[in-house]
Amino acid sequence: KLYMAALSASKYNPSCKALKERMEKRGKHHEKIRIAVASKLLRQIFAV
């Protein structure tokens, strides 16, 4: 579920979008980017 939510977070969540763009510049594979975004999203949920 978090993996699927990462698609939307990559577009509309500023921190997740910035993470995606940084990883893309470093040439990371799209699946690893999506997992990193999912992790970021869960960390935001935890903090809130």
ModelCIF file with pLDDT and N, C-alpha, C, O atoms, coordinates in Angstrom:
data_MODEL
#
_entry.id   MODEL 
#
_entity.id                         1 
_entity.type                       polymer 
_entity.pdbx_number_of_molecules   1 
#
_entity_poly.entity_id                      1 
_entity_poly.type                           'polypeptide(L)' 
_entity_poly.nstd_linkage                   no 
_entity_poly.nstd_monomer                   no 
_entity_poly.pdbx_seq_one_letter_code       KLYMAALSASKYNPSCKALKERMEKRGKHHEKIRIAVASKLLRQIFAV 
_entity_poly.pdbx_seq_one_letter_code_can   KLYMAALSASKYNPSCKALKERMEKRGKHHEKIRIAVASKLLRQIFAV 
_entity_poly.pdbx_strand_id                 A 
#
loop_
_entity_poly_seq.entity_id 
_entity_poly_seq.num 
_entity_poly_seq.mon_id 
_entity_poly_seq.hetero 
1 1  LYS n 
1 2  LEU n 
1 3  TYR n 
1 4  MET n 
1 5  ALA n 
1 6  ALA n 
1 7  LEU n 
1 8  SER n 
1 9  ALA n 
1 10 SER n 
1 11 LYS n 
1 12 TYR n 
1 13 ASN n 
1 14 PRO n 
1 15 SER n 
1 16 CYS n 
1 17 LYS n 
1 18 ALA n 
1 19 LEU n 
1 20 LYS n 
1 21 GLU n 
1 22 ARG n 
1 23 MET n 
1 24 GLU n 
1 25 LYS n 
1 26 ARG n 
1 27 GLY n 
1 28 LYS n 
1 29 HIS n 
1 30 HIS n 
1 31 GLU n 
1 32 LYS n 
1 33 ILE n 
1 34 ARG n 
1 35 ILE n 
1 36 ALA n 
1 37 VAL n 
1 38 ALA n 
1 39 SER n 
1 40 LYS n 
1 41 LEU n 
1 42 LEU n 
1 43 ARG n 
1 44 GLN n 
1 45 ILE n 
1 46 PHE n 
1 47 ALA n 
1 48 VAL n 
#
_struct_asym.id          A 
_struct_asym.entity_id   1 
#
loop_
_ma_qa_metric.id 
_ma_qa_metric.mode 
_ma_qa_metric.name 
_ma_qa_metric.software_group_id 
_ma_qa_metric.type 
1 global pLDDT . pLDDT 
2 local  pLDDT . pLDDT 
#
_ma_qa_metric_global.metric_id      1 
_ma_qa_metric_global.metric_value   95.10 
_ma_qa_metric_global.model_id       1 
_ma_qa_metric_global.ordinal_id     1 
#
loop_
_ma_qa_metric_local.label_asym_id 
_ma_qa_metric_local.label_comp_id 
_ma_qa_metric_local.label_seq_id 
_ma_qa_metric_local.metric_id 
_ma_qa_metric_local.metric_value 
_ma_qa_metric_local.model_id 
_ma_qa_metric_local.ordinal_id 
A LYS 1  2 92.00 1 1  
A LEU 2  2 95.00 1 2  
A TYR 3  2 94.00 1 3  
A MET 4  2 94.00 1 4  
A ALA 5  2 96.00 1 5  
A ALA 6  2 96.00 1 6  
A LEU 7  2 96.00 1 7  
A SER 8  2 96.00 1 8  
A ALA 9  2 96.00 1 9  
A SER 10 2 96.00 1 10 
A LYS 11 2 96.00 1 11 
A TYR 12 2 96.00 1 12 
A ASN 13 2 96.00 1 13 
A PRO 14 2 95.00 1 14 
A SER 15 2 95.00 1 15 
A CYS 16 2 96.00 1 16 
A LYS 17 2 95.00 1 17 
A ALA 18 2 95.00 1 18 
A LEU 19 2 96.00 1 19 
A LYS 20 2 96.00 1 20 
A GLU 21 2 96.00 1 21 
A ARG 22 2 95.00 1 22 
A MET 23 2 95.00 1 23 
A GLU 24 2 95.00 1 24 
A LYS 25 2 96.00 1 25 
A ARG 26 2 95.00 1 26 
A GLY 27 2 95.00 1 27 
A LYS 28 2 93.00 1 28 
A HIS 29 2 93.00 1 29 
A HIS 30 2 92.00 1 30 
A GLU 31 2 91.00 1 31 
A LYS 32 2 93.00 1 32 
A ILE 33 2 95.00 1 33 
A ARG 34 2 94.00 1 34 
A ILE 35 2 94.00 1 35 
A ALA 36 2 95.00 1 36 
A VAL 37 2 96.00 1 37 
A ALA 38 2 96.00 1 38 
A SER 39 2 95.00 1 39 
A LYS 40 2 96.00 1 40 
A LEU 41 2 97.00 1 41 
A LEU 42 2 96.00 1 42 
A ARG 43 2 96.00 1 43 
A GLN 44 2 96.00 1 44 
A ILE 45 2 97.00 1 45 
A PHE 46 2 96.00 1 46 
A ALA 47 2 95.00 1 47 
A VAL 48 2 95.00 1 48 
#
loop_
_atom_site.group_PDB 
_atom_site.id 
_atom_site.type_symbol 
_atom_site.label_atom_id 
_atom_site.label_alt_id 
_atom_site.label_comp_id 
_atom_site.label_asym_id 
_atom_site.label_entity_id 
_atom_site.label_seq_id 
_atom_site.pdbx_PDB_ins_code 
_atom_site.Cartn_x 
_atom_site.Cartn_y 
_atom_site.Cartn_z 
_atom_site.occupancy 
_atom_site.B_iso_or_equiv 
_atom_site.pdbx_formal_charge 
_atom_site.auth_seq_id 
_atom_site.auth_comp_id 
_atom_site.auth_asym_id 
_atom_site.auth_atom_id 
_atom_site.pdbx_PDB_model_num 
ATOM 1   N N  . LYS A 1 1  ? 0.831  -1.208 0.000   1.00 92.00 ? 1  LYS A N  1 
ATOM 2   C CA . LYS A 1 1  ? 0.000  0.000  0.000   1.00 92.00 ? 1  LYS A CA 1 
ATOM 3   C C  . LYS A 1 1  ? 0.872  1.268  0.000   1.00 92.00 ? 1  LYS A C  1 
ATOM 4   O O  . LYS A 1 1  ? 0.567  2.235  -0.698  1.00 92.00 ? 1  LYS A O  1 
ATOM 5   N N  . LEU A 1 2  ? 1.945  1.253  0.779   1.00 95.00 ? 2  LEU A N  1 
ATOM 6   C CA . LEU A 1 2  ? 2.859  2.394  0.793   1.00 95.00 ? 2  LEU A CA 1 
ATOM 7   C C  . LEU A 1 2  ? 3.578  2.534  -0.550  1.00 95.00 ? 2  LEU A C  1 
ATOM 8   O O  . LEU A 1 2  ? 3.846  3.640  -1.019  1.00 95.00 ? 2  LEU A O  1 
ATOM 9   N N  . TYR A 1 3  ? 3.882  1.388  -1.152  1.00 94.00 ? 3  TYR A N  1 
ATOM 10  C CA . TYR A 1 3  ? 4.542  1.382  -2.457  1.00 94.00 ? 3  TYR A CA 1 
ATOM 11  C C  . TYR A 1 3  ? 3.666  2.073  -3.495  1.00 94.00 ? 3  TYR A C  1 
ATOM 12  O O  . TYR A 1 3  ? 4.159  2.847  -4.315  1.00 94.00 ? 3  TYR A O  1 
ATOM 13  N N  . MET A 1 4  ? 2.363  1.792  -3.457  1.00 94.00 ? 4  MET A N  1 
ATOM 14  C CA . MET A 1 4  ? 1.433  2.434  -4.386  1.00 94.00 ? 4  MET A CA 1 
ATOM 15  C C  . MET A 1 4  ? 1.274  3.920  -4.059  1.00 94.00 ? 4  MET A C  1 
ATOM 16  O O  . MET A 1 4  ? 1.199  4.755  -4.961  1.00 94.00 ? 4  MET A O  1 
ATOM 17  N N  . ALA A 1 5  ? 1.223  4.244  -2.762  1.00 96.00 ? 5  ALA A N  1 
ATOM 18  C CA . ALA A 1 5  ? 1.057  5.642  -2.355  1.00 96.00 ? 5  ALA A CA 1 
ATOM 19  C C  . ALA A 1 5  ? 2.252  6.492  -2.767  1.00 96.00 ? 5  ALA A C  1 
ATOM 20  O O  . ALA A 1 5  ? 2.122  7.703  -2.950  1.00 96.00 ? 5  ALA A O  1 
ATOM 21  N N  . ALA A 1 6  ? 3.414  5.862  -2.913  1.00 96.00 ? 6  ALA A N  1 
ATOM 22  C CA . ALA A 1 6  ? 4.629  6.582  -3.288  1.00 96.00 ? 6  ALA A CA 1 
ATOM 23  C C  . ALA A 1 6  ? 4.501  7.257  -4.649  1.00 96.00 ? 6  ALA A C  1 
ATOM 24  O O  . ALA A 1 6  ? 5.154  8.272  -4.890  1.00 96.00 ? 6  ALA A O  1 
ATOM 25  N N  . LEU A 1 7  ? 3.682  6.722  -5.536  1.00 96.00 ? 7  LEU A N  1 
ATOM 26  C CA . LEU A 1 7  ? 3.476  7.323  -6.855  1.00 96.00 ? 7  LEU A CA 1 
ATOM 27  C C  . LEU A 1 7  ? 2.897  8.729  -6.722  1.00 96.00 ? 7  LEU A C  1 
ATOM 28  O O  . LEU A 1 7  ? 3.383  9.673  -7.346  1.00 96.00 ? 7  LEU A O  1 
ATOM 29  N N  . SER A 1 8  ? 1.862  8.855  -5.907  1.00 96.00 ? 8  SER A N  1 
ATOM 30  C CA . SER A 1 8  ? 1.237  10.156 -5.698  1.00 96.00 ? 8  SER A CA 1 
ATOM 31  C C  . SER A 1 8  ? 2.156  11.083 -4.901  1.00 96.00 ? 8  SER A C  1 
ATOM 32  O O  . SER A 1 8  ? 2.277  12.269 -5.207  1.00 96.00 ? 8  SER A O  1 
ATOM 33  N N  . ALA A 1 9  ? 2.807  10.518 -3.864  1.00 96.00 ? 9  ALA A N  1 
ATOM 34  C CA . ALA A 1 9  ? 3.706  11.330 -3.030  1.00 96.00 ? 9  ALA A CA 1 
ATOM 35  C C  . ALA A 1 9  ? 4.858  11.912 -3.844  1.00 96.00 ? 9  ALA A C  1 
ATOM 36  O O  . ALA A 1 9  ? 5.310  13.024 -3.573  1.00 96.00 ? 9  ALA A O  1 
ATOM 37  N N  . SER A 1 10 ? 5.334  11.164 -4.841  1.00 96.00 ? 10 SER A N  1 
ATOM 38  C CA . SER A 1 10 ? 6.445  11.633 -5.685  1.00 96.00 ? 10 SER A CA 1 
ATOM 39  C C  . SER A 1 10 ? 6.076  12.874 -6.492  1.00 96.00 ? 10 SER A C  1 
ATOM 40  O O  . SER A 1 10 ? 6.946  13.643 -6.900  1.00 96.00 ? 10 SER A O  1 
ATOM 41  N N  . LYS A 1 11 ? 4.782  13.057 -6.717  1.00 96.00 ? 11 LYS A N  1 
ATOM 42  C CA . LYS A 1 11 ? 4.325  14.194 -7.520  1.00 96.00 ? 11 LYS A CA 1 
ATOM 43  C C  . LYS A 1 11 ? 3.888  15.372 -6.665  1.00 96.00 ? 11 LYS A C  1 
ATOM 44  O O  . LYS A 1 11 ? 4.148  16.525 -7.011  1.00 96.00 ? 11 LYS A O  1 
ATOM 45  N N  . TYR A 1 12 ? 3.213  15.084 -5.532  1.00 96.00 ? 12 TYR A N  1 
ATOM 46  C CA . TYR A 1 12 ? 2.525  16.159 -4.816  1.00 96.00 ? 12 TYR A CA 1 
ATOM 47  C C  . TYR A 1 12 ? 3.067  16.454 -3.413  1.00 96.00 ? 12 TYR A C  1 
ATOM 48  O O  . TYR A 1 12 ? 2.718  17.477 -2.825  1.00 96.00 ? 12 TYR A O  1 
ATOM 49  N N  . ASN A 1 13 ? 3.913  15.573 -2.873  1.00 96.00 ? 13 ASN A N  1 
ATOM 50  C CA . ASN A 1 13 ? 4.489  15.788 -1.552  1.00 96.00 ? 13 ASN A CA 1 
ATOM 51  C C  . ASN A 1 13 ? 5.874  16.411 -1.738  1.00 96.00 ? 13 ASN A C  1 
ATOM 52  O O  . ASN A 1 13 ? 6.768  15.733 -2.243  1.00 96.00 ? 13 ASN A O  1 
ATOM 53  N N  . PRO A 1 14 ? 6.092  17.673 -1.352  1.00 95.00 ? 14 PRO A N  1 
ATOM 54  C CA . PRO A 1 14 ? 7.361  18.361 -1.664  1.00 95.00 ? 14 PRO A CA 1 
ATOM 55  C C  . PRO A 1 14 ? 8.616  17.594 -1.248  1.00 95.00 ? 14 PRO A C  1 
ATOM 56  O O  . PRO A 1 14 ? 9.555  17.489 -2.036  1.00 95.00 ? 14 PRO A O  1 
ATOM 57  N N  . SER A 1 15 ? 8.650  17.060 -0.029  1.00 95.00 ? 15 SER A N  1 
ATOM 58  C CA . SER A 1 15 ? 9.842  16.337 0.438   1.00 95.00 ? 15 SER A CA 1 
ATOM 59  C C  . SER A 1 15 ? 10.070 15.064 -0.369  1.00 95.00 ? 15 SER A C  1 
ATOM 60  O O  . SER A 1 15 ? 11.204 14.740 -0.724  1.00 95.00 ? 15 SER A O  1 
ATOM 61  N N  . CYS A 1 16 ? 8.986  14.345 -0.656  1.00 96.00 ? 16 CYS A N  1 
ATOM 62  C CA . CYS A 1 16 ? 9.100  13.107 -1.428  1.00 96.00 ? 16 CYS A CA 1 
ATOM 63  C C  . CYS A 1 16 ? 9.491  13.399 -2.879  1.00 96.00 ? 16 CYS A C  1 
ATOM 64  O O  . CYS A 1 16 ? 10.280 12.671 -3.481  1.00 96.00 ? 16 CYS A O  1 
ATOM 65  N N  . LYS A 1 17 ? 8.931  14.467 -3.420  1.00 95.00 ? 17 LYS A N  1 
ATOM 66  C CA . LYS A 1 17 ? 9.264  14.861 -4.792  1.00 95.00 ? 17 LYS A CA 1 
ATOM 67  C C  . LYS A 1 17 ? 10.737 15.240 -4.899  1.00 95.00 ? 17 LYS A C  1 
ATOM 68  O O  . LYS A 1 17 ? 11.413 14.867 -5.857  1.00 95.00 ? 17 LYS A O  1 
ATOM 69  N N  . ALA A 1 18 ? 11.232 15.986 -3.906  1.00 95.00 ? 18 ALA A N  1 
ATOM 70  C CA . ALA A 1 18 ? 12.648 16.394 -3.899  1.00 95.00 ? 18 ALA A CA 1 
ATOM 71  C C  . ALA A 1 18 ? 13.560 15.172 -3.783  1.00 95.00 ? 18 ALA A C  1 
ATOM 72  O O  . ALA A 1 18 ? 14.604 15.108 -4.433  1.00 95.00 ? 18 ALA A O  1 
ATOM 73  N N  . LEU A 1 19 ? 13.165 14.208 -2.959  1.00 96.00 ? 19 LEU A N  1 
ATOM 74  C CA . LEU A 1 19 ? 13.944 12.975 -2.818  1.00 96.00 ? 19 LEU A CA 1 
ATOM 75  C C  . LEU A 1 19 ? 13.999 12.223 -4.141  1.00 96.00 ? 19 LEU A C  1 
ATOM 76  O O  . LEU A 1 19 ? 15.058 11.745 -4.546  1.00 96.00 ? 19 LEU A O  1 
ATOM 77  N N  . LYS A 1 20 ? 12.860 12.122 -4.809  1.00 96.00 ? 20 LYS A N  1 
ATOM 78  C CA . LYS A 1 20 ? 12.798 11.439 -6.106  1.00 96.00 ? 20 LYS A CA 1 
ATOM 79  C C  . LYS A 1 20 ? 13.729 12.113 -7.121  1.00 96.00 ? 20 LYS A C  1 
ATOM 80  O O  . LYS A 1 20 ? 14.459 11.434 -7.844  1.00 96.00 ? 20 LYS A O  1 
ATOM 81  N N  . GLU A 1 21 ? 13.700 13.424 -7.170  1.00 96.00 ? 21 GLU A N  1 
ATOM 82  C CA . GLU A 1 21 ? 14.528 14.166 -8.134  1.00 96.00 ? 21 GLU A CA 1 
ATOM 83  C C  . GLU A 1 21 ? 16.023 14.002 -7.835  1.00 96.00 ? 21 GLU A C  1 
ATOM 84  O O  . GLU A 1 21 ? 16.832 13.873 -8.754  1.00 96.00 ? 21 GLU A O  1 
ATOM 85  N N  . ARG A 1 22 ? 16.385 14.008 -6.545  1.00 95.00 ? 22 ARG A N  1 
ATOM 86  C CA . ARG A 1 22 ? 17.797 13.809 -6.176  1.00 95.00 ? 22 ARG A CA 1 
ATOM 87  C C  . ARG A 1 22 ? 18.277 12.429 -6.597  1.00 95.00 ? 22 ARG A C  1 
ATOM 88  O O  . ARG A 1 22 ? 19.381 12.282 -7.121  1.00 95.00 ? 22 ARG A O  1 
ATOM 89  N N  . MET A 1 23 ? 17.452 11.430 -6.370  1.00 95.00 ? 23 MET A N  1 
ATOM 90  C CA . MET A 1 23 ? 17.841 10.064 -6.711  1.00 95.00 ? 23 MET A CA 1 
ATOM 91  C C  . MET A 1 23 ? 17.895 9.849  -8.217  1.00 95.00 ? 23 MET A C  1 
ATOM 92  O O  . MET A 1 23 ? 18.728 9.089  -8.710  1.00 95.00 ? 23 MET A O  1 
ATOM 93  N N  . GLU A 1 24 ? 17.004 10.520 -8.949  1.00 95.00 ? 24 GLU A N  1 
ATOM 94  C CA . GLU A 1 24 ? 17.030 10.435 -10.412 1.00 95.00 ? 24 GLU A CA 1 
ATOM 95  C C  . GLU A 1 24 ? 18.328 11.017 -10.966 1.00 95.00 ? 24 GLU A C  1 
ATOM 96  O O  . GLU A 1 24 ? 18.918 10.470 -11.897 1.00 95.00 ? 24 GLU A O  1 
ATOM 97  N N  . LYS A 1 25 ? 18.764 12.137 -10.380 1.00 96.00 ? 25 LYS A N  1 
ATOM 98  C CA . LYS A 1 25 ? 20.028 12.762 -10.819 1.00 96.00 ? 25 LYS A CA 1 
ATOM 99  C C  . LYS A 1 25 ? 21.220 11.842 -10.578 1.00 96.00 ? 25 LYS A C  1 
ATOM 100 O O  . LYS A 1 25 ? 22.205 11.877 -11.315 1.00 96.00 ? 25 LYS A O  1 
ATOM 101 N N  . ARG A 1 26 ? 21.116 11.017 -9.536  1.00 95.00 ? 26 ARG A N  1 
ATOM 102 C CA . ARG A 1 26 ? 22.205 10.078 -9.236  1.00 95.00 ? 26 ARG A CA 1 
ATOM 103 C C  . ARG A 1 26 ? 22.091 8.784  -10.039 1.00 95.00 ? 26 ARG A C  1 
ATOM 104 O O  . ARG A 1 26 ? 22.904 7.872  -9.885  1.00 95.00 ? 26 ARG A O  1 
ATOM 105 N N  . GLY A 1 27 ? 21.070 8.716  -10.899 1.00 95.00 ? 27 GLY A N  1 
ATOM 106 C CA . GLY A 1 27 ? 20.906 7.558  -11.775 1.00 95.00 ? 27 GLY A CA 1 
ATOM 107 C C  . GLY A 1 27 ? 20.330 6.328  -11.097 1.00 95.00 ? 27 GLY A C  1 
ATOM 108 O O  . GLY A 1 27 ? 20.547 5.210  -11.564 1.00 95.00 ? 27 GLY A O  1 
ATOM 109 N N  . LYS A 1 28 ? 19.597 6.513  -10.000 1.00 93.00 ? 28 LYS A N  1 
ATOM 110 C CA . LYS A 1 28 ? 19.019 5.374  -9.289  1.00 93.00 ? 28 LYS A CA 1 
ATOM 111 C C  . LYS A 1 28 ? 17.855 4.770  -10.070 1.00 93.00 ? 28 LYS A C  1 
ATOM 112 O O  . LYS A 1 28 ? 17.131 5.469  -10.779 1.00 93.00 ? 28 LYS A O  1 
ATOM 113 N N  . HIS A 1 29 ? 17.693 3.458  -9.923  1.00 93.00 ? 29 HIS A N  1 
ATOM 114 C CA . HIS A 1 29 ? 16.611 2.741  -10.601 1.00 93.00 ? 29 HIS A CA 1 
ATOM 115 C C  . HIS A 1 29 ? 15.258 3.202  -10.042 1.00 93.00 ? 29 HIS A C  1 
ATOM 116 O O  . HIS A 1 29 ? 15.147 3.529  -8.861  1.00 93.00 ? 29 HIS A O  1 
ATOM 117 N N  . HIS A 1 30 ? 14.234 3.223  -10.904 1.00 92.00 ? 30 HIS A N  1 
ATOM 118 C CA . HIS A 1 30 ? 12.935 3.770  -10.503 1.00 92.00 ? 30 HIS A CA 1 
ATOM 119 C C  . HIS A 1 30 ? 12.303 2.997  -9.340  1.00 92.00 ? 30 HIS A C  1 
ATOM 120 O O  . HIS A 1 30 ? 11.583 3.579  -8.528  1.00 92.00 ? 30 HIS A O  1 
ATOM 121 N N  . GLU A 1 31 ? 12.568 1.697  -9.258  1.00 91.00 ? 31 GLU A N  1 
ATOM 122 C CA . GLU A 1 31 ? 11.989 0.921  -8.150  1.00 91.00 ? 31 GLU A CA 1 
ATOM 123 C C  . GLU A 1 31 ? 12.619 1.318  -6.819  1.00 91.00 ? 31 GLU A C  1 
ATOM 124 O O  . GLU A 1 31 ? 11.929 1.420  -5.804  1.00 91.00 ? 31 GLU A O  1 
ATOM 125 N N  . LYS A 1 32 ? 13.943 1.542  -6.828  1.00 93.00 ? 32 LYS A N  1 
ATOM 126 C CA . LYS A 1 32 ? 14.609 1.972  -5.597  1.00 93.00 ? 32 LYS A CA 1 
ATOM 127 C C  . LYS A 1 32 ? 14.129 3.359  -5.180  1.00 93.00 ? 32 LYS A C  1 
ATOM 128 O O  . LYS A 1 32 ? 13.998 3.648  -3.990  1.00 93.00 ? 32 LYS A O  1 
ATOM 129 N N  . ILE A 1 33 ? 13.868 4.214  -6.168  1.00 95.00 ? 33 ILE A N  1 
ATOM 130 C CA . ILE A 1 33 ? 13.353 5.545  -5.873  1.00 95.00 ? 33 ILE A CA 1 
ATOM 131 C C  . ILE A 1 33 ? 11.979 5.434  -5.210  1.00 95.00 ? 33 ILE A C  1 
ATOM 132 O O  . ILE A 1 33 ? 11.690 6.118  -4.228  1.00 95.00 ? 33 ILE A O  1 
ATOM 133 N N  . ARG A 1 34 ? 11.154 4.571  -5.759  1.00 94.00 ? 34 ARG A N  1 
ATOM 134 C CA . ARG A 1 34 ? 9.792  4.431  -5.243  1.00 94.00 ? 34 ARG A CA 1 
ATOM 135 C C  . ARG A 1 34 ? 9.793  3.895  -3.811  1.00 94.00 ? 34 ARG A C  1 
ATOM 136 O O  . ARG A 1 34 ? 8.996  4.328  -2.979  1.00 94.00 ? 34 ARG A O  1 
ATOM 137 N N  . ILE A 1 35 ? 10.686 2.959  -3.533  1.00 94.00 ? 35 ILE A N  1 
ATOM 138 C CA . ILE A 1 35 ? 10.794 2.412  -2.184  1.00 94.00 ? 35 ILE A CA 1 
ATOM 139 C C  . ILE A 1 35 ? 11.296 3.477  -1.214  1.00 94.00 ? 35 ILE A C  1 
ATOM 140 O O  . ILE A 1 35 ? 10.809 3.572  -0.088  1.00 94.00 ? 35 ILE A O  1 
ATOM 141 N N  . ALA A 1 36 ? 12.276 4.283  -1.653  1.00 95.00 ? 36 ALA A N  1 
ATOM 142 C CA . ALA A 1 36 ? 12.804 5.351  -0.802  1.00 95.00 ? 36 ALA A CA 1 
ATOM 143 C C  . ALA A 1 36 ? 11.703 6.369  -0.482  1.00 95.00 ? 36 ALA A C  1 
ATOM 144 O O  . ALA A 1 36 ? 11.624 6.880  0.635   1.00 95.00 ? 36 ALA A O  1 
ATOM 145 N N  . VAL A 1 37 ? 10.864 6.652  -1.468  1.00 96.00 ? 37 VAL A N  1 
ATOM 146 C CA . VAL A 1 37 ? 9.755  7.587  -1.257  1.00 96.00 ? 37 VAL A CA 1 
ATOM 147 C C  . VAL A 1 37 ? 8.737  6.983  -0.285  1.00 96.00 ? 37 VAL A C  1 
ATOM 148 O O  . VAL A 1 37 ? 8.209  7.682  0.580   1.00 96.00 ? 37 VAL A O  1 
ATOM 149 N N  . ALA A 1 38 ? 8.467  5.689  -0.430  1.00 96.00 ? 38 ALA A N  1 
ATOM 150 C CA . ALA A 1 38 ? 7.545  5.011  0.488   1.00 96.00 ? 38 ALA A CA 1 
ATOM 151 C C  . ALA A 1 38 ? 8.054  5.090  1.924   1.00 96.00 ? 38 ALA A C  1 
ATOM 152 O O  . ALA A 1 38 ? 7.288  5.323  2.859   1.00 96.00 ? 38 ALA A O  1 
ATOM 153 N N  . SER A 1 39 ? 9.365  4.891  2.080   1.00 95.00 ? 39 SER A N  1 
ATOM 154 C CA . SER A 1 39 ? 9.983  4.993  3.403   1.00 95.00 ? 39 SER A CA 1 
ATOM 155 C C  . SER A 1 39 ? 9.863  6.410  3.956   1.00 95.00 ? 39 SER A C  1 
ATOM 156 O O  . SER A 1 39 ? 9.556  6.603  5.132   1.00 95.00 ? 39 SER A O  1 
ATOM 157 N N  . LYS A 1 40 ? 10.107 7.394  3.101   1.00 96.00 ? 40 LYS A N  1 
ATOM 158 C CA . LYS A 1 40 ? 9.994  8.804  3.494   1.00 96.00 ? 40 LYS A CA 1 
ATOM 159 C C  . LYS A 1 40 ? 8.568  9.116  3.944   1.00 96.00 ? 40 LYS A C  1 
ATOM 160 O O  . LYS A 1 40 ? 8.355  9.808  4.940   1.00 96.00 ? 40 LYS A O  1 
ATOM 161 N N  . LEU A 1 41 ? 7.609  8.599  3.204   1.00 97.00 ? 41 LEU A N  1 
ATOM 162 C CA . LEU A 1 41 ? 6.205  8.841  3.512   1.00 97.00 ? 41 LEU A CA 1 
ATOM 163 C C  . LEU A 1 41 ? 5.836  8.257  4.878   1.00 97.00 ? 41 LEU A C  1 
ATOM 164 O O  . LEU A 1 41 ? 5.140  8.896  5.667   1.00 97.00 ? 41 LEU A O  1 
ATOM 165 N N  . LEU A 1 42 ? 6.307  7.043  5.145   1.00 96.00 ? 42 LEU A N  1 
ATOM 166 C CA . LEU A 1 42 ? 6.017  6.413  6.434   1.00 96.00 ? 42 LEU A CA 1 
ATOM 167 C C  . LEU A 1 42 ? 6.672  7.194  7.582   1.00 96.00 ? 42 LEU A C  1 
ATOM 168 O O  . LEU A 1 42 ? 6.098  7.300  8.665   1.00 96.00 ? 42 LEU A O  1 
ATOM 169 N N  . ARG A 1 43 ? 7.853  7.730  7.347   1.00 96.00 ? 43 ARG A N  1 
ATOM 170 C CA . ARG A 1 43 ? 8.517  8.542  8.368   1.00 96.00 ? 43 ARG A CA 1 
ATOM 171 C C  . ARG A 1 43 ? 7.714  9.819  8.655   1.00 96.00 ? 43 ARG A C  1 
ATOM 172 O O  . ARG A 1 43 ? 7.625  10.252 9.804   1.00 96.00 ? 43 ARG A O  1 
ATOM 173 N N  . GLN A 1 44 ? 7.141  10.408 7.627   1.00 96.00 ? 44 GLN A N  1 
ATOM 174 C CA . GLN A 1 44 ? 6.302  11.584 7.828   1.00 96.00 ? 44 GLN A CA 1 
ATOM 175 C C  . GLN A 1 44 ? 5.050  11.216 8.641   1.00 96.00 ? 44 GLN A C  1 
ATOM 176 O O  . GLN A 1 44 ? 4.648  11.941 9.550   1.00 96.00 ? 44 GLN A O  1 
ATOM 177 N N  . ILE A 1 45 ? 4.453  10.080 8.291   1.00 97.00 ? 45 ILE A N  1 
ATOM 178 C CA . ILE A 1 45 ? 3.271  9.614  9.025   1.00 97.00 ? 45 ILE A CA 1 
ATOM 179 C C  . ILE A 1 45 ? 3.618  9.405  10.498  1.00 97.00 ? 45 ILE A C  1 
ATOM 180 O O  . ILE A 1 45 ? 2.870  9.811  11.387  1.00 97.00 ? 45 ILE A O  1 
ATOM 181 N N  . PHE A 1 46 ? 4.770  8.762  10.740  1.00 96.00 ? 46 PHE A N  1 
ATOM 182 C CA . PHE A 1 46 ? 5.218  8.504  12.112  1.00 96.00 ? 46 PHE A CA 1 
ATOM 183 C C  . PHE A 1 46 ? 5.345  9.816  12.890  1.00 96.00 ? 46 PHE A C  1 
ATOM 184 O O  . PHE A 1 46 ? 4.848  9.917  14.012  1.00 96.00 ? 46 PHE A O  1 
ATOM 185 N N  . ALA A 1 47 ? 6.001  10.816 12.308  1.00 95.00 ? 47 ALA A N  1 
ATOM 186 C CA . ALA A 1 47 ? 6.222  12.090 12.995  1.00 95.00 ? 47 ALA A CA 1 
ATOM 187 C C  . ALA A 1 47 ? 4.905  12.780 13.336  1.00 95.00 ? 47 ALA A C  1 
ATOM 188 O O  . ALA A 1 47 ? 4.741  13.324 14.428  1.00 95.00 ? 47 ALA A O  1 
ATOM 189 N N  . VAL A 1 48 ? 3.977  12.752 12.395  1.00 95.00 ? 48 VAL A N  1 
ATOM 190 C CA . VAL A 1 48 ? 2.693  13.422 12.586  1.00 95.00 ? 48 VAL A CA 1 
ATOM 191 C C  . VAL A 1 48 ? 1.858  12.720 13.656  1.00 95.00 ? 48 VAL A C  1 
ATOM 192 O O  . VAL A 1 48 ? 0.743  13.149 13.949  1.00 95.00 ? 48 VAL A O  1 
#
